[in-house]
C-alpha atoms as a PDB file:
ATOM      1  CA  MET A   1      -6.165 -15.572 -50.753  1.00  0.00           C
ATOM      2  CA  ALA A   2      -7.467 -13.686 -47.550  1.00  0.00           C
ATOM      3  CA  GLU A   3      -4.936 -11.116 -46.238  1.00  0.00           C
ATOM      4  CA  PRO A   4      -3.618 -11.580 -43.200  1.00  0.00           C
ATOM      5  CA  THR A   5      -4.984  -9.031 -40.195  1.00  0.00           C
ATOM      6  CA  ALA A   6      -3.649  -8.559 -37.265  1.00  0.00           C
ATOM      7  CA  ALA A   7      -5.435  -9.229 -34.021  1.00  0.00           C
ATOM      8  CA  VAL A   8      -3.742  -6.632 -31.647  1.00  0.00           C
ATOM      9  CA  GLU A   9      -5.818  -3.469 -31.706  1.00  0.00           C
ATOM     10  CA  LEU A  10      -3.236  -0.302 -30.472  1.00  0.00           C
ATOM     11  CA  VAL A  11      -4.067   0.760 -26.963  1.00  0.00           C
ATOM     12  CA  SER A  12      -4.195   4.445 -26.962  1.00  0.00           C
ATOM     13  CA  SER A  13      -1.890   6.493 -25.129  1.00  0.00           C
ATOM     14  CA  GLU A  14      -4.236   7.642 -22.600  1.00  0.00           C
ATOM     15  CA  ALA A  15      -5.533   4.310 -21.538  1.00  0.00           C
ATOM     16  CA  PHE A  16      -2.232   2.956 -21.499  1.00  0.00           C
ATOM     17  CA  VAL A  17      -1.465   6.325 -18.924  1.00  0.00           C
ATOM     18  CA  LYS A  18      -4.489   4.960 -16.794  1.00  0.00           C
ATOM     19  CA  GLY A  19      -3.862   1.486 -16.801  1.00  0.00           C
ATOM     20  CA  CYS A  20      -0.369   2.230 -15.333  1.00  0.00           C
ATOM     21  CA  ALA A  21      -1.703   4.533 -12.959  1.00  0.00           C
ATOM     22  CA  ALA A  22      -3.987   1.774 -11.698  1.00  0.00           C
ATOM     23  CA  ILE A  23      -1.314  -0.767 -11.519  1.00  0.00           C
ATOM     24  CA  GLY A  24       1.144   2.149  -9.572  1.00  0.00           C
ATOM     25  CA  ALA A  25      -2.150   2.526  -7.276  1.00  0.00           C
ATOM     26  CA  GLY A  26      -2.392  -1.078  -6.288  1.00  0.00           C
ATOM     27  CA  LEU A  27       0.949  -1.077  -5.926  1.00  0.00           C
ATOM     28  CA  ALA A  28       1.313   1.680  -3.600  1.00  0.00           C
ATOM     29  CA  VAL A  29      -1.471   0.141  -1.532  1.00  0.00           C
ATOM     30  CA  GLY A  30      -0.392  -3.638  -1.106  1.00  0.00           C
ATOM     31  CA  LEU A  31       3.006  -2.972  -0.074  1.00  0.00           C
ATOM     32  CA  ALA A  32       2.408   0.038   1.901  1.00  0.00           C
ATOM     33  CA  GLY A  33       0.320  -2.777   3.557  1.00  0.00           C
ATOM     34  CA  ILE A  34       2.429  -5.596   3.246  1.00  0.00           C
ATOM     35  CA  GLY A  35       5.570  -3.257   5.016  1.00  0.00           C
ATOM     36  CA  ALA A  36       3.040  -2.008   7.902  1.00  0.00           C
ATOM     37  CA  GLY A  37       2.478  -5.500   8.395  1.00  0.00           C
ATOM     38  CA  ALA A  38       6.061  -6.487   8.947  1.00  0.00           C
ATOM     39  CA  GLY A  39       6.782  -3.973  10.852  1.00  0.00           C
ATOM     40  CA  GLU A  40       3.818  -4.175  13.246  1.00  0.00           C
ATOM     41  CA  SER A  41       4.382  -7.187  13.860  1.00  0.00           C
ATOM     42  CA  GLY A  42       7.656  -7.083  15.815  1.00  0.00           C
ATOM     43  CA  ILE A  43       6.654  -3.603  17.649  1.00  0.00           C
ATOM     44  CA  GLY A  44       3.189  -5.584  18.630  1.00  0.00           C
ATOM     45  CA  ALA A  45       4.766  -8.691  20.438  1.00  0.00           C
ATOM     46  CA  ALA A  46       7.350  -6.041  21.843  1.00  0.00           C
ATOM     47  CA  ALA A  47       4.808  -3.687  23.384  1.00  0.00           C
ATOM     48  CA  VAL A  48       2.537  -7.024  24.311  1.00  0.00           C
ATOM     49  CA  GLY A  49       5.643  -8.199  26.301  1.00  0.00           C
ATOM     50  CA  ALA A  50       6.567  -4.912  27.885  1.00  0.00           C
ATOM     51  CA  ILE A  51       2.679  -3.963  28.832  1.00  0.00           C
ATOM     52  CA  ALA A  52       2.548  -7.510  30.743  1.00  0.00           C
ATOM     53  CA  GLU A  53       6.015  -6.625  32.693  1.00  0.00           C
ATOM     54  CA  ASP A  54       4.689  -3.256  33.703  1.00  0.00           C
ATOM     55  CA  ARG A  55       0.891  -1.673  32.904  1.00  0.00           C
ATOM     56  CA  GLY A  56       2.873   2.114  32.249  1.00  0.00           C
ATOM     57  CA  PHE A  57       4.079   1.467  28.642  1.00  0.00           C
ATOM     58  CA  LEU A  58       0.066   1.084  27.481  1.00  0.00           C
ATOM     59  CA  GLY A  59       0.700   4.707  26.208  1.00  0.00           C
ATOM     60  CA  LEU A  60       3.715   4.085  24.432  1.00  0.00           C
ATOM     61  CA  GLY A  61       2.974   0.530  23.421  1.00  0.00           C
ATOM     62  CA  LEU A  62      -0.162   1.981  21.379  1.00  0.00           C
ATOM     63  CA  LEU A  63       2.096   5.362  20.094  1.00  0.00           C
ATOM     64  CA  PHE A  64       4.769   2.697  18.672  1.00  0.00           C
ATOM     65  CA  THR A  65       1.994   0.047  17.092  1.00  0.00           C
ATOM     66  CA  VAL A  66      -0.020   2.808  15.395  1.00  0.00           C
ATOM     67  CA  ILE A  67       3.136   4.471  13.829  1.00  0.00           C
ATOM     68  CA  PRO A  68       3.889   1.802  11.252  1.00  0.00           C
ATOM     69  CA  GLU A  69      -0.093   2.268  10.575  1.00  0.00           C
ATOM     70  CA  THR A  70       0.993   5.816   8.879  1.00  0.00           C
ATOM     71  CA  ILE A  71       2.519   4.177   5.802  1.00  0.00           C
ATOM     72  CA  VAL A  72      -0.315   2.718   4.936  1.00  0.00           C
ATOM     73  CA  ILE A  73      -2.197   5.839   5.077  1.00  0.00           C
ATOM     74  CA  PHE A  74       0.594   7.707   3.166  1.00  0.00           C
ATOM     75  CA  GLY A  75      -0.013   4.592   0.488  1.00  0.00           C
ATOM     76  CA  LEU A  76      -3.979   5.049   0.296  1.00  0.00           C
ATOM     77  CA  VAL A  77      -3.307   8.945  -0.312  1.00  0.00           C
ATOM     78  CA  ILE A  78      -0.994   8.098  -3.076  1.00  0.00           C
ATOM     79  CA  SER A  79      -2.934   5.428  -4.673  1.00  0.00           C
ATOM     80  CA  PHE A  80      -5.986   8.481  -4.809  1.00  0.00           C
ATOM     81  CA  ILE A  81      -3.454  10.674  -6.105  1.00  0.00           C
ATOM     82  CA  LEU A  82      -2.619   8.329  -9.333  1.00  0.00           C
ATOM     83  CA  MET A  83      -6.191   7.234  -9.804  1.00  0.00           C
ATOM     84  CA  PHE A  84      -7.767  11.040 -10.125  1.00  0.00           C
ATOM     85  CA  ALA A  85      -4.832  12.836 -11.429  1.00  0.00           C
ATOM     86  CA  TYR A  86      -4.431  10.686 -14.610  1.00  0.00           C
END
């Protein structure tokens, strides 16, 4: 009778860490993008309304619209750290 063999191969510790780092990097960029998009939706609508009433709010509206984008940049930096540190 044939011996049963395990079809599952053990994953090395290094490969597991690299896989987890890749998943973490993807989550860092993806969730940061979703959060920034949710934040920008309300800010952008308010900025357009304020600019429609008074042109003087153009610079302030653009500034407040750009601020949530820093979250995405931080997520991208974290993903690079995760990908290249391990």
